[in-house]
Amino acid sequence: MGQYPHLYDRPSICNLIIIPDHCLEALRVSLMCTANLGVYTFRWDSDPDRPLPKSNAERRCVDWDSLEQWAWSRKTDLKPTLLRETGQAEVIHM
């Protein structure tokens, strides 16, 4: 809510359901497309009730600062201008 407070001035069905649903769907798709496929096995240690994870799988974390800088450099306004092939500009309301 912090970046777009005007969207949350007055709670509506759109704000309470559609926007969070859209965000969750974006997260779901992202997780499905970038899932960690490393194999994790377990080993029994001193605690007989709980095995411990054991993995030699390599993980590569995202350089978050670079990713955020890249995303901010490509952001668009909530009312972007669409430039048609004819050269006519049209404001899009998202």
PDB file of N, CA and C in Angstrom:
ATOM      1  N   MET A   1       0.815  -1.201   0.000  1.00  0.00           N
ATOM      2  CA  MET A   1       0.000   0.000   0.000  1.00  0.00           C
ATOM      3  C   MET A   1       0.853   1.256   0.000  1.00  0.00           C
ATOM      4  N   GLY A   2       2.068   1.201   0.463  1.00  0.00           N
ATOM      5  CA  GLY A   2       2.871   2.387   0.640  1.00  0.00           C
ATOM      6  C   GLY A   2       3.116   3.187  -0.619  1.00  0.00           C
ATOM      7  N   GLN A   3       3.353   2.506  -1.740  1.00  0.00           N
ATOM      8  CA  GLN A   3       3.711   3.232  -2.950  1.00  0.00           C
ATOM      9  C   GLN A   3       2.505   3.815  -3.672  1.00  0.00           C
ATOM     10  N   TYR A   4       1.337   3.247  -3.520  1.00  0.00           N
ATOM     11  CA  TYR A   4       0.147   3.701  -4.227  1.00  0.00           C
ATOM     12  C   TYR A   4      -1.006   3.961  -3.260  1.00  0.00           C
ATOM     13  N   PRO A   5      -0.852   4.926  -2.343  1.00  0.00           N
ATOM     14  CA  PRO A   5      -1.895   5.137  -1.334  1.00  0.00           C
ATOM     15  C   PRO A   5      -3.234   5.540  -1.941  1.00  0.00           C
ATOM     16  N   HIS A   6      -3.233   6.167  -3.120  1.00  0.00           N
ATOM     17  CA  HIS A   6      -4.495   6.581  -3.732  1.00  0.00           C
ATOM     18  C   HIS A   6      -5.369   5.377  -4.104  1.00  0.00           C
ATOM     19  N   LEU A   7      -4.768   4.205  -4.239  1.00  0.00           N
ATOM     20  CA  LEU A   7      -5.560   3.017  -4.555  1.00  0.00           C
ATOM     21  C   LEU A   7      -6.299   2.474  -3.341  1.00  0.00           C
ATOM     22  N   TYR A   8      -5.897   2.909  -2.156  1.00  0.00           N
ATOM     23  CA  TYR A   8      -6.461   2.347  -0.945  1.00  0.00           C
ATOM     24  C   TYR A   8      -7.184   3.382  -0.094  1.00  0.00           C
ATOM     25  N   ASP A   9      -7.454   4.573  -0.654  1.00  0.00           N
ATOM     26  CA  ASP A   9      -8.150   5.608   0.105  1.00  0.00           C
ATOM     27  C   ASP A   9      -9.509   5.126   0.589  1.00  0.00           C
ATOM     28  N   ARG A  10     -10.241   4.520  -0.319  1.00  0.00           N
ATOM     29  CA  ARG A  10     -11.568   4.009   0.022  1.00  0.00           C
ATOM     30  C   ARG A  10     -11.601   2.516  -0.281  1.00  0.00           C
ATOM     31  N   PRO A  11     -11.725   1.679   0.738  1.00  0.00           N
ATOM     32  CA  PRO A  11     -11.783   0.237   0.470  1.00  0.00           C
ATOM     33  C   PRO A  11     -12.933  -0.101  -0.469  1.00  0.00           C
ATOM     34  N   SER A  12     -12.647  -0.908  -1.430  1.00  0.00           N
ATOM     35  CA  SER A  12     -13.672  -1.378  -2.354  1.00  0.00           C
ATOM     36  C   SER A  12     -13.411  -2.849  -2.618  1.00  0.00           C
ATOM     37  N   ILE A  13     -14.337  -3.488  -3.286  1.00  0.00           N
ATOM     38  CA  ILE A  13     -14.173  -4.905  -3.603  1.00  0.00           C
ATOM     39  C   ILE A  13     -12.951  -5.098  -4.481  1.00  0.00           C
ATOM     40  N   CYS A  14     -12.682  -4.145  -5.352  1.00  0.00           N
ATOM     41  CA  CYS A  14     -11.506  -4.226  -6.218  1.00  0.00           C
ATOM     42  C   CYS A  14     -10.232  -4.199  -5.384  1.00  0.00           C
ATOM     43  N   ASN A  15     -10.144  -3.263  -4.461  1.00  0.00           N
ATOM     44  CA  ASN A  15      -8.947  -3.138  -3.641  1.00  0.00           C
ATOM     45  C   ASN A  15      -8.757  -4.320  -2.708  1.00  0.00           C
ATOM     46  N   LEU A  16      -9.846  -4.869  -2.208  1.00  0.00           N
ATOM     47  CA  LEU A  16      -9.748  -5.926  -1.206  1.00  0.00           C
ATOM     48  C   LEU A  16      -9.586  -7.314  -1.805  1.00  0.00           C
ATOM     49  N   ILE A  17     -10.016  -7.513  -3.042  1.00  0.00           N
ATOM     50  CA  ILE A  17      -9.962  -8.847  -3.632  1.00  0.00           C
ATOM     51  C   ILE A  17      -9.098  -8.894  -4.890  1.00  0.00           C
ATOM     52  N   ILE A  18      -9.363  -8.039  -5.849  1.00  0.00           N
ATOM     53  CA  ILE A  18      -8.698  -8.153  -7.148  1.00  0.00           C
ATOM     54  C   ILE A  18      -7.217  -7.831  -7.057  1.00  0.00           C
ATOM     55  N   ILE A  19      -6.851  -6.734  -6.398  1.00  0.00           N
ATOM     56  CA  ILE A  19      -5.441  -6.362  -6.333  1.00  0.00           C
ATOM     57  C   ILE A  19      -4.629  -7.408  -5.572  1.00  0.00           C
ATOM     58  N   PRO A  20      -5.037  -7.827  -4.359  1.00  0.00           N
ATOM     59  CA  PRO A  20      -4.268  -8.884  -3.685  1.00  0.00           C
ATOM     60  C   PRO A  20      -4.252 -10.183  -4.490  1.00  0.00           C
ATOM     61  N   ASP A  21      -5.359 -10.530  -5.160  1.00  0.00           N
ATOM     62  CA  ASP A  21      -5.407 -11.742  -5.959  1.00  0.00           C
ATOM     63  C   ASP A  21      -4.401 -11.665  -7.101  1.00  0.00           C
ATOM     64  N   HIS A  22      -4.312 -10.511  -7.731  1.00  0.00           N
ATOM     65  CA  HIS A  22      -3.362 -10.310  -8.822  1.00  0.00           C
ATOM     66  C   HIS A  22      -1.929 -10.474  -8.301  1.00  0.00           C
ATOM     67  N   CYS A  23      -1.648  -9.897  -7.142  1.00  0.00           N
ATOM     68  CA  CYS A  23      -0.307 -10.003  -6.559  1.00  0.00           C
ATOM     69  C   CYS A  23       0.033 -11.448  -6.217  1.00  0.00           C
ATOM     70  N   LEU A  24      -0.908 -12.157  -5.622  1.00  0.00           N
ATOM     71  CA  LEU A  24      -0.663 -13.557  -5.278  1.00  0.00           C
ATOM     72  C   LEU A  24      -0.460 -14.399  -6.527  1.00  0.00           C
ATOM     73  N   GLU A  25      -1.199 -14.120  -7.585  1.00  0.00           N
ATOM     74  CA  GLU A  25      -1.031 -14.855  -8.836  1.00  0.00           C
ATOM     75  C   GLU A  25       0.352 -14.591  -9.422  1.00  0.00           C
ATOM     76  N   ALA A  26       0.815 -13.351  -9.359  1.00  0.00           N
ATOM     77  CA  ALA A  26       2.152 -13.033  -9.859  1.00  0.00           C
ATOM     78  C   ALA A  26       3.214 -13.786  -9.064  1.00  0.00           C
ATOM     79  N   LEU A  27       3.051 -13.860  -7.749  1.00  0.00           N
ATOM     80  CA  LEU A  27       3.990 -14.614  -6.916  1.00  0.00           C
ATOM     81  C   LEU A  27       3.941 -16.103  -7.229  1.00  0.00           C
ATOM     82  N   ARG A  28       2.733 -16.643  -7.422  1.00  0.00           N
ATOM     83  CA  ARG A  28       2.578 -18.070  -7.738  1.00  0.00           C
ATOM     84  C   ARG A  28       3.292 -18.420  -9.042  1.00  0.00           C
ATOM     85  N   VAL A  29       3.072 -17.612 -10.066  1.00  0.00           N
ATOM     86  CA  VAL A  29       3.705 -17.866 -11.361  1.00  0.00           C
ATOM     87  C   VAL A  29       5.227 -17.768 -11.237  1.00  0.00           C
ATOM     88  N   SER A  30       5.692 -16.775 -10.503  1.00  0.00           N
ATOM     89  CA  SER A  30       7.128 -16.611 -10.322  1.00  0.00           C
ATOM     90  C   SER A  30       7.737 -17.826  -9.629  1.00  0.00           C
ATOM     91  N   LEU A  31       7.086 -18.315  -8.583  1.00  0.00           N
ATOM     92  CA  LEU A  31       7.591 -19.491  -7.872  1.00  0.00           C
ATOM     93  C   LEU A  31       7.581 -20.733  -8.751  1.00  0.00           C
ATOM     94  N   MET A  32       6.538 -20.881  -9.553  1.00  0.00           N
ATOM     95  CA  MET A  32       6.452 -22.055 -10.415  1.00  0.00           C
ATOM     96  C   MET A  32       7.530 -22.021 -11.503  1.00  0.00           C
ATOM     97  N   CYS A  33       7.867 -20.840 -11.978  1.00  0.00           N
ATOM     98  CA  CYS A  33       8.843 -20.721 -13.059  1.00  0.00           C
ATOM     99  C   CYS A  33      10.283 -20.735 -12.571  1.00  0.00           C
ATOM    100  N   THR A  34      10.503 -20.468 -11.297  1.00  0.00           N
ATOM    101  CA  THR A  34      11.867 -20.422 -10.779  1.00  0.00           C
ATOM    102  C   THR A  34      12.022 -21.313  -9.556  1.00  0.00           C
ATOM    103  N   ALA A  35      11.337 -22.403  -9.542  1.00  0.00           N
ATOM    104  CA  ALA A  35      11.380 -23.300  -8.390  1.00  0.00           C
ATOM    105  C   ALA A  35      12.782 -23.866  -8.187  1.00  0.00           C
ATOM    106  N   ASN A  36      13.137 -24.107  -6.944  1.00  0.00           N
ATOM    107  CA  ASN A  36      14.405 -24.727  -6.605  1.00  0.00           C
ATOM    108  C   ASN A  36      14.237 -26.240  -6.770  1.00  0.00           C
ATOM    109  N   LEU A  37      14.944 -26.802  -7.725  1.00  0.00           N
ATOM    110  CA  LEU A  37      14.821 -28.229  -8.010  1.00  0.00           C
ATOM    111  C   LEU A  37      15.939 -29.047  -7.379  1.00  0.00           C
ATOM    112  N   GLY A  38      16.637 -28.464  -6.423  1.00  0.00           N
ATOM    113  CA  GLY A  38      17.699 -29.183  -5.725  1.00  0.00           C
ATOM    114  C   GLY A  38      17.125 -30.360  -4.955  1.00  0.00           C
ATOM    115  N   VAL A  39      17.901 -31.439  -4.887  1.00  0.00           N
ATOM    116  CA  VAL A  39      17.474 -32.635  -4.173  1.00  0.00           C
ATOM    117  C   VAL A  39      17.967 -32.540  -2.736  1.00  0.00           C
ATOM    118  N   TYR A  40      17.064 -32.673  -1.821  1.00  0.00           N
ATOM    119  CA  TYR A  40      17.404 -32.623  -0.404  1.00  0.00           C
ATOM    120  C   TYR A  40      17.121 -33.976   0.215  1.00  0.00           C
ATOM    121  N   THR A  41      18.132 -34.546   0.802  1.00  0.00           N
ATOM    122  CA  THR A  41      17.960 -35.806   1.517  1.00  0.00           C
ATOM    123  C   THR A  41      18.061 -35.508   3.004  1.00  0.00           C
ATOM    124  N   PHE A  42      17.822 -36.512   3.809  1.00  0.00           N
ATOM    125  CA  PHE A  42      17.866 -36.337   5.261  1.00  0.00           C
ATOM    126  C   PHE A  42      18.759 -37.389   5.876  1.00  0.00           C
ATOM    127  N   ARG A  43      19.304 -37.070   7.030  1.00  0.00           N
ATOM    128  CA  ARG A  43      20.133 -38.025   7.768  1.00  0.00           C
ATOM    129  C   ARG A  43      19.681 -38.014   9.224  1.00  0.00           C
ATOM    130  N   TRP A  44      19.800 -39.148   9.829  1.00  0.00           N
ATOM    131  CA  TRP A  44      19.461 -39.242  11.248  1.00  0.00           C
ATOM    132  C   TRP A  44      20.686 -38.880  12.052  1.00  0.00           C
ATOM    133  N   ASP A  45      20.512 -37.994  13.002  1.00  0.00           N
ATOM    134  CA  ASP A  45      21.626 -37.566  13.847  1.00  0.00           C
ATOM    135  C   ASP A  45      21.333 -38.017  15.273  1.00  0.00           C
ATOM    136  N   SER A  46      21.736 -37.245  16.227  1.00  0.00           N
ATOM    137  CA  SER A  46      21.561 -37.632  17.630  1.00  0.00           C
ATOM    138  C   SER A  46      20.102 -37.617  18.080  1.00  0.00           C
ATOM    139  N   ASP A  47      19.253 -36.846  17.432  1.00  0.00           N
ATOM    140  CA  ASP A  47      17.832 -36.781  17.800  1.00  0.00           C
ATOM    141  C   ASP A  47      17.077 -37.868  17.030  1.00  0.00           C
ATOM    142  N   PRO A  48      16.619 -38.933  17.709  1.00  0.00           N
ATOM    143  CA  PRO A  48      15.965 -40.030  17.007  1.00  0.00           C
ATOM    144  C   PRO A  48      14.580 -39.673  16.463  1.00  0.00           C
ATOM    145  N   ASP A  49      14.027 -38.535  16.885  1.00  0.00           N
ATOM    146  CA  ASP A  49      12.687 -38.160  16.447  1.00  0.00           C
ATOM    147  C   ASP A  49      12.670 -37.220  15.242  1.00  0.00           C
ATOM    148  N   ARG A  50      13.838 -36.701  14.885  1.00  0.00           N
ATOM    149  CA  ARG A  50      13.838 -35.703  13.818  1.00  0.00           C
ATOM    150  C   ARG A  50      15.096 -35.824  12.958  1.00  0.00           C
ATOM    151  N   PRO A  51      14.933 -36.165  11.668  1.00  0.00           N
ATOM    152  CA  PRO A  51      16.097 -36.200  10.783  1.00  0.00           C
ATOM    153  C   PRO A  51      16.511 -34.772  10.407  1.00  0.00           C
ATOM    154  N   LEU A  52      17.765 -34.618  10.033  1.00  0.00           N
ATOM    155  CA  LEU A  52      18.283 -33.315   9.621  1.00  0.00           C
ATOM    156  C   LEU A  52      18.478 -33.299   8.107  1.00  0.00           C
ATOM    157  N   PRO A  53      18.215 -32.171   7.471  1.00  0.00           N
ATOM    158  CA  PRO A  53      18.416 -32.105   6.016  1.00  0.00           C
ATOM    159  C   PRO A  53      19.903 -32.176   5.677  1.00  0.00           C
ATOM    160  N   LYS A  54      20.177 -32.854   4.582  1.00  0.00           N
ATOM    161  CA  LYS A  54      21.553 -32.982   4.101  1.00  0.00           C
ATOM    162  C   LYS A  54      21.504 -32.770   2.592  1.00  0.00           C
ATOM    163  N   SER A  55      22.227 -31.779   2.116  1.00  0.00           N
ATOM    164  CA  SER A  55      22.194 -31.513   0.692  1.00  0.00           C
ATOM    165  C   SER A  55      23.506 -30.933   0.222  1.00  0.00           C
ATOM    166  N   ASN A  56      23.914 -31.379  -0.936  1.00  0.00           N
ATOM    167  CA  ASN A  56      25.078 -30.803  -1.599  1.00  0.00           C
ATOM    168  C   ASN A  56      24.638 -29.941  -2.775  1.00  0.00           C
ATOM    169  N   ALA A  57      23.339 -29.711  -2.874  1.00  0.00           N
ATOM    170  CA  ALA A  57      22.813 -28.920  -3.982  1.00  0.00           C
ATOM    171  C   ALA A  57      23.290 -27.478  -3.859  1.00  0.00           C
ATOM    172  N   GLU A  58      23.714 -26.921  -4.979  1.00  0.00           N
ATOM    173  CA  GLU A  58      24.151 -25.533  -4.979  1.00  0.00           C
ATOM    174  C   GLU A  58      22.950 -24.625  -5.210  1.00  0.00           C
ATOM    175  N   ARG A  59      22.911 -23.565  -4.455  1.00  0.00           N
ATOM    176  CA  ARG A  59      21.863 -22.564  -4.636  1.00  0.00           C
ATOM    177  C   ARG A  59      22.519 -21.276  -5.068  1.00  0.00           C
ATOM    178  N   ARG A  60      21.846 -20.586  -5.945  1.00  0.00           N
ATOM    179  CA  ARG A  60      22.361 -19.300  -6.407  1.00  0.00           C
ATOM    180  C   ARG A  60      21.302 -18.257  -6.121  1.00  0.00           C
ATOM    181  N   CYS A  61      21.589 -17.379  -5.201  1.00  0.00           N
ATOM    182  CA  CYS A  61      20.635 -16.348  -4.843  1.00  0.00           C
ATOM    183  C   CYS A  61      20.722 -15.183  -5.814  1.00  0.00           C
ATOM    184  N   VAL A  62      19.638 -14.492  -5.926  1.00  0.00           N
ATOM    185  CA  VAL A  62      19.565 -13.325  -6.801  1.00  0.00           C
ATOM    186  C   VAL A  62      20.304 -12.170  -6.151  1.00  0.00           C
ATOM    187  N   ASP A  63      21.010 -11.401  -6.953  1.00  0.00           N
ATOM    188  CA  ASP A  63      21.622 -10.161  -6.474  1.00  0.00           C
ATOM    189  C   ASP A  63      20.482  -9.153  -6.416  1.00  0.00           C
ATOM    190  N   TRP A  64      19.881  -9.033  -5.229  1.00  0.00           N
ATOM    191  CA  TRP A  64      18.644  -8.261  -5.086  1.00  0.00           C
ATOM    192  C   TRP A  64      18.820  -6.801  -5.462  1.00  0.00           C
ATOM    193  N   ASP A  65      19.938  -6.198  -5.098  1.00  0.00           N
ATOM    194  CA  ASP A  65      20.157  -4.785  -5.426  1.00  0.00           C
ATOM    195  C   ASP A  65      20.170  -4.566  -6.935  1.00  0.00           C
ATOM    196  N   SER A  66      20.848  -5.443  -7.661  1.00  0.00           N
ATOM    197  CA  SER A  66      20.875  -5.321  -9.128  1.00  0.00           C
ATOM    198  C   SER A  66      19.496  -5.541  -9.726  1.00  0.00           C
ATOM    199  N   LEU A  67      18.782  -6.541  -9.209  1.00  0.00           N
ATOM    200  CA  LEU A  67      17.440  -6.815  -9.713  1.00  0.00           C
ATOM    201  C   LEU A  67      16.507  -5.636  -9.470  1.00  0.00           C
ATOM    202  N   GLU A  68      16.564  -5.072  -8.272  1.00  0.00           N
ATOM    203  CA  GLU A  68      15.703  -3.939  -7.948  1.00  0.00           C
ATOM    204  C   GLU A  68      16.057  -2.722  -8.808  1.00  0.00           C
ATOM    205  N   GLN A  69      17.335  -2.471  -9.004  1.00  0.00           N
ATOM    206  CA  GLN A  69      17.756  -1.351  -9.848  1.00  0.00           C
ATOM    207  C   GLN A  69      17.251  -1.553 -11.283  1.00  0.00           C
ATOM    208  N   TRP A  70      17.367  -2.771 -11.795  1.00  0.00           N
ATOM    209  CA  TRP A  70      16.884  -3.089 -13.140  1.00  0.00           C
ATOM    210  C   TRP A  70      15.374  -2.860 -13.236  1.00  0.00           C
ATOM    211  N   ALA A  71      14.621  -3.337 -12.239  1.00  0.00           N
ATOM    212  CA  ALA A  71      13.160  -3.197 -12.252  1.00  0.00           C
ATOM    213  C   ALA A  71      12.743  -1.727 -12.180  1.00  0.00           C
ATOM    214  N   TRP A  72      13.368  -0.951 -11.292  1.00  0.00           N
ATOM    215  CA  TRP A  72      13.016   0.462 -11.167  1.00  0.00           C
ATOM    216  C   TRP A  72      13.332   1.228 -12.440  1.00  0.00           C
ATOM    217  N   SER A  73      14.395   0.839 -13.137  1.00  0.00           N
ATOM    218  CA  SER A  73      14.758   1.552 -14.365  1.00  0.00           C
ATOM    219  C   SER A  73      13.778   1.270 -15.501  1.00  0.00           C
ATOM    220  N   ARG A  74      12.953   0.242 -15.345  1.00  0.00           N
ATOM    221  CA  ARG A  74      12.000  -0.130 -16.401  1.00  0.00           C
ATOM    222  C   ARG A  74      10.544   0.034 -15.990  1.00  0.00           C
ATOM    223  N   LYS A  75      10.304   0.685 -14.849  1.00  0.00           N
ATOM    224  CA  LYS A  75       8.936   0.835 -14.365  1.00  0.00           C
ATOM    225  C   LYS A  75       8.143   1.767 -15.288  1.00  0.00           C
ATOM    226  N   THR A  76       6.845   1.628 -15.205  1.00  0.00           N
ATOM    227  CA  THR A  76       5.958   2.472 -15.991  1.00  0.00           C
ATOM    228  C   THR A  76       4.926   3.099 -15.072  1.00  0.00           C
ATOM    229  N   ASP A  77       4.346   4.155 -15.528  1.00  0.00           N
ATOM    230  CA  ASP A  77       3.305   4.842 -14.774  1.00  0.00           C
ATOM    231  C   ASP A  77       2.041   3.980 -14.769  1.00  0.00           C
ATOM    232  N   LEU A  78       1.137   4.235 -13.832  1.00  0.00           N
ATOM    233  CA  LEU A  78      -0.132   3.495 -13.821  1.00  0.00           C
ATOM    234  C   LEU A  78      -1.040   3.926 -14.960  1.00  0.00           C
ATOM    235  N   LYS A  79      -0.723   5.036 -15.601  1.00  0.00           N
ATOM    236  CA  LYS A  79      -1.467   5.493 -16.772  1.00  0.00           C
ATOM    237  C   LYS A  79      -0.475   5.704 -17.915  1.00  0.00           C
ATOM    238  N   PRO A  80       0.084   4.603 -18.440  1.00  0.00           N
ATOM    239  CA  PRO A  80       1.101   4.748 -19.485  1.00  0.00           C
ATOM    240  C   PRO A  80       0.488   5.241 -20.791  1.00  0.00           C
ATOM    241  N   THR A  81       1.332   5.821 -21.634  1.00  0.00           N
ATOM    242  CA  THR A  81       0.901   6.280 -22.947  1.00  0.00           C
ATOM    243  C   THR A  81       1.259   5.209 -23.960  1.00  0.00           C
ATOM    244  N   LEU A  82       0.262   4.787 -24.711  1.00  0.00           N
ATOM    245  CA  LEU A  82       0.456   3.810 -25.769  1.00  0.00           C
ATOM    246  C   LEU A  82       0.637   4.570 -27.073  1.00  0.00           C
ATOM    247  N   LEU A  83       1.725   4.329 -27.756  1.00  0.00           N
ATOM    248  CA  LEU A  83       1.970   4.970 -29.035  1.00  0.00           C
ATOM    249  C   LEU A  83       1.613   3.981 -30.125  1.00  0.00           C
ATOM    250  N   ARG A  84       0.545   4.259 -30.825  1.00  0.00           N
ATOM    251  CA  ARG A  84       0.066   3.362 -31.882  1.00  0.00           C
ATOM    252  C   ARG A  84       0.947   3.471 -33.120  1.00  0.00           C
ATOM    253  N   GLU A  85       0.846   2.490 -34.027  1.00  0.00           N
ATOM    254  CA  GLU A  85       1.634   2.493 -35.256  1.00  0.00           C
ATOM    255  C   GLU A  85       1.359   3.731 -36.098  1.00  0.00           C
ATOM    256  N   THR A  86       0.174   4.286 -35.963  1.00  0.00           N
ATOM    257  CA  THR A  86      -0.195   5.484 -36.724  1.00  0.00           C
ATOM    258  C   THR A  86       0.473   6.739 -36.169  1.00  0.00           C
ATOM    259  N   GLY A  87       1.111   6.623 -35.014  1.00  0.00           N
ATOM    260  CA  GLY A  87       1.739   7.769 -34.384  1.00  0.00           C
ATOM    261  C   GLY A  87       0.829   8.439 -33.360  1.00  0.00           C
ATOM    262  N   GLN A  88      -0.422   7.987 -33.266  1.00  0.00           N
ATOM    263  CA  GLN A  88      -1.380   8.558 -32.314  1.00  0.00           C
ATOM    264  C   GLN A  88      -1.073   8.033 -30.912  1.00  0.00           C
ATOM    265  N   ALA A  89      -1.032   8.945 -29.947  1.00  0.00           N
ATOM    266  CA  ALA A  89      -0.782   8.564 -28.552  1.00  0.00           C
ATOM    267  C   ALA A  89      -2.108   8.407 -27.831  1.00  0.00           C
ATOM    268  N   GLU A  90      -2.174   7.406 -26.973  1.00  0.00           N
ATOM    269  CA  GLU A  90      -3.396   7.130 -26.228  1.00  0.00           C
ATOM    270  C   GLU A  90      -3.018   6.742 -24.806  1.00  0.00           C
ATOM    271  N   VAL A  91      -3.649   7.387 -23.809  1.00  0.00           N
ATOM    272  CA  VAL A  91      -3.387   7.070 -22.416  1.00  0.00           C
ATOM    273  C   VAL A  91      -4.165   5.809 -22.041  1.00  0.00           C
ATOM    274  N   ILE A  92      -3.481   4.857 -21.461  1.00  0.00           N
ATOM    275  CA  ILE A  92      -4.083   3.597 -21.052  1.00  0.00           C
ATOM    276  C   ILE A  92      -4.395   3.676 -19.559  1.00  0.00           C
ATOM    277  N   HIS A  93      -5.603   3.365 -19.163  1.00  0.00           N
ATOM    278  CA  HIS A  93      -5.977   3.338 -17.749  1.00  0.00           C
ATOM    279  C   HIS A  93      -5.945   1.901 -17.273  1.00  0.00           C
ATOM    280  N   MET A  94      -5.003   1.618 -16.400  1.00  0.00           N
ATOM    281  CA  MET A  94      -4.843   0.239 -15.912  1.00  0.00           C
ATOM    282  C   MET A  94      -5.573   0.041 -14.623  1.00  0.00           C
TER     283      MET A  94
END
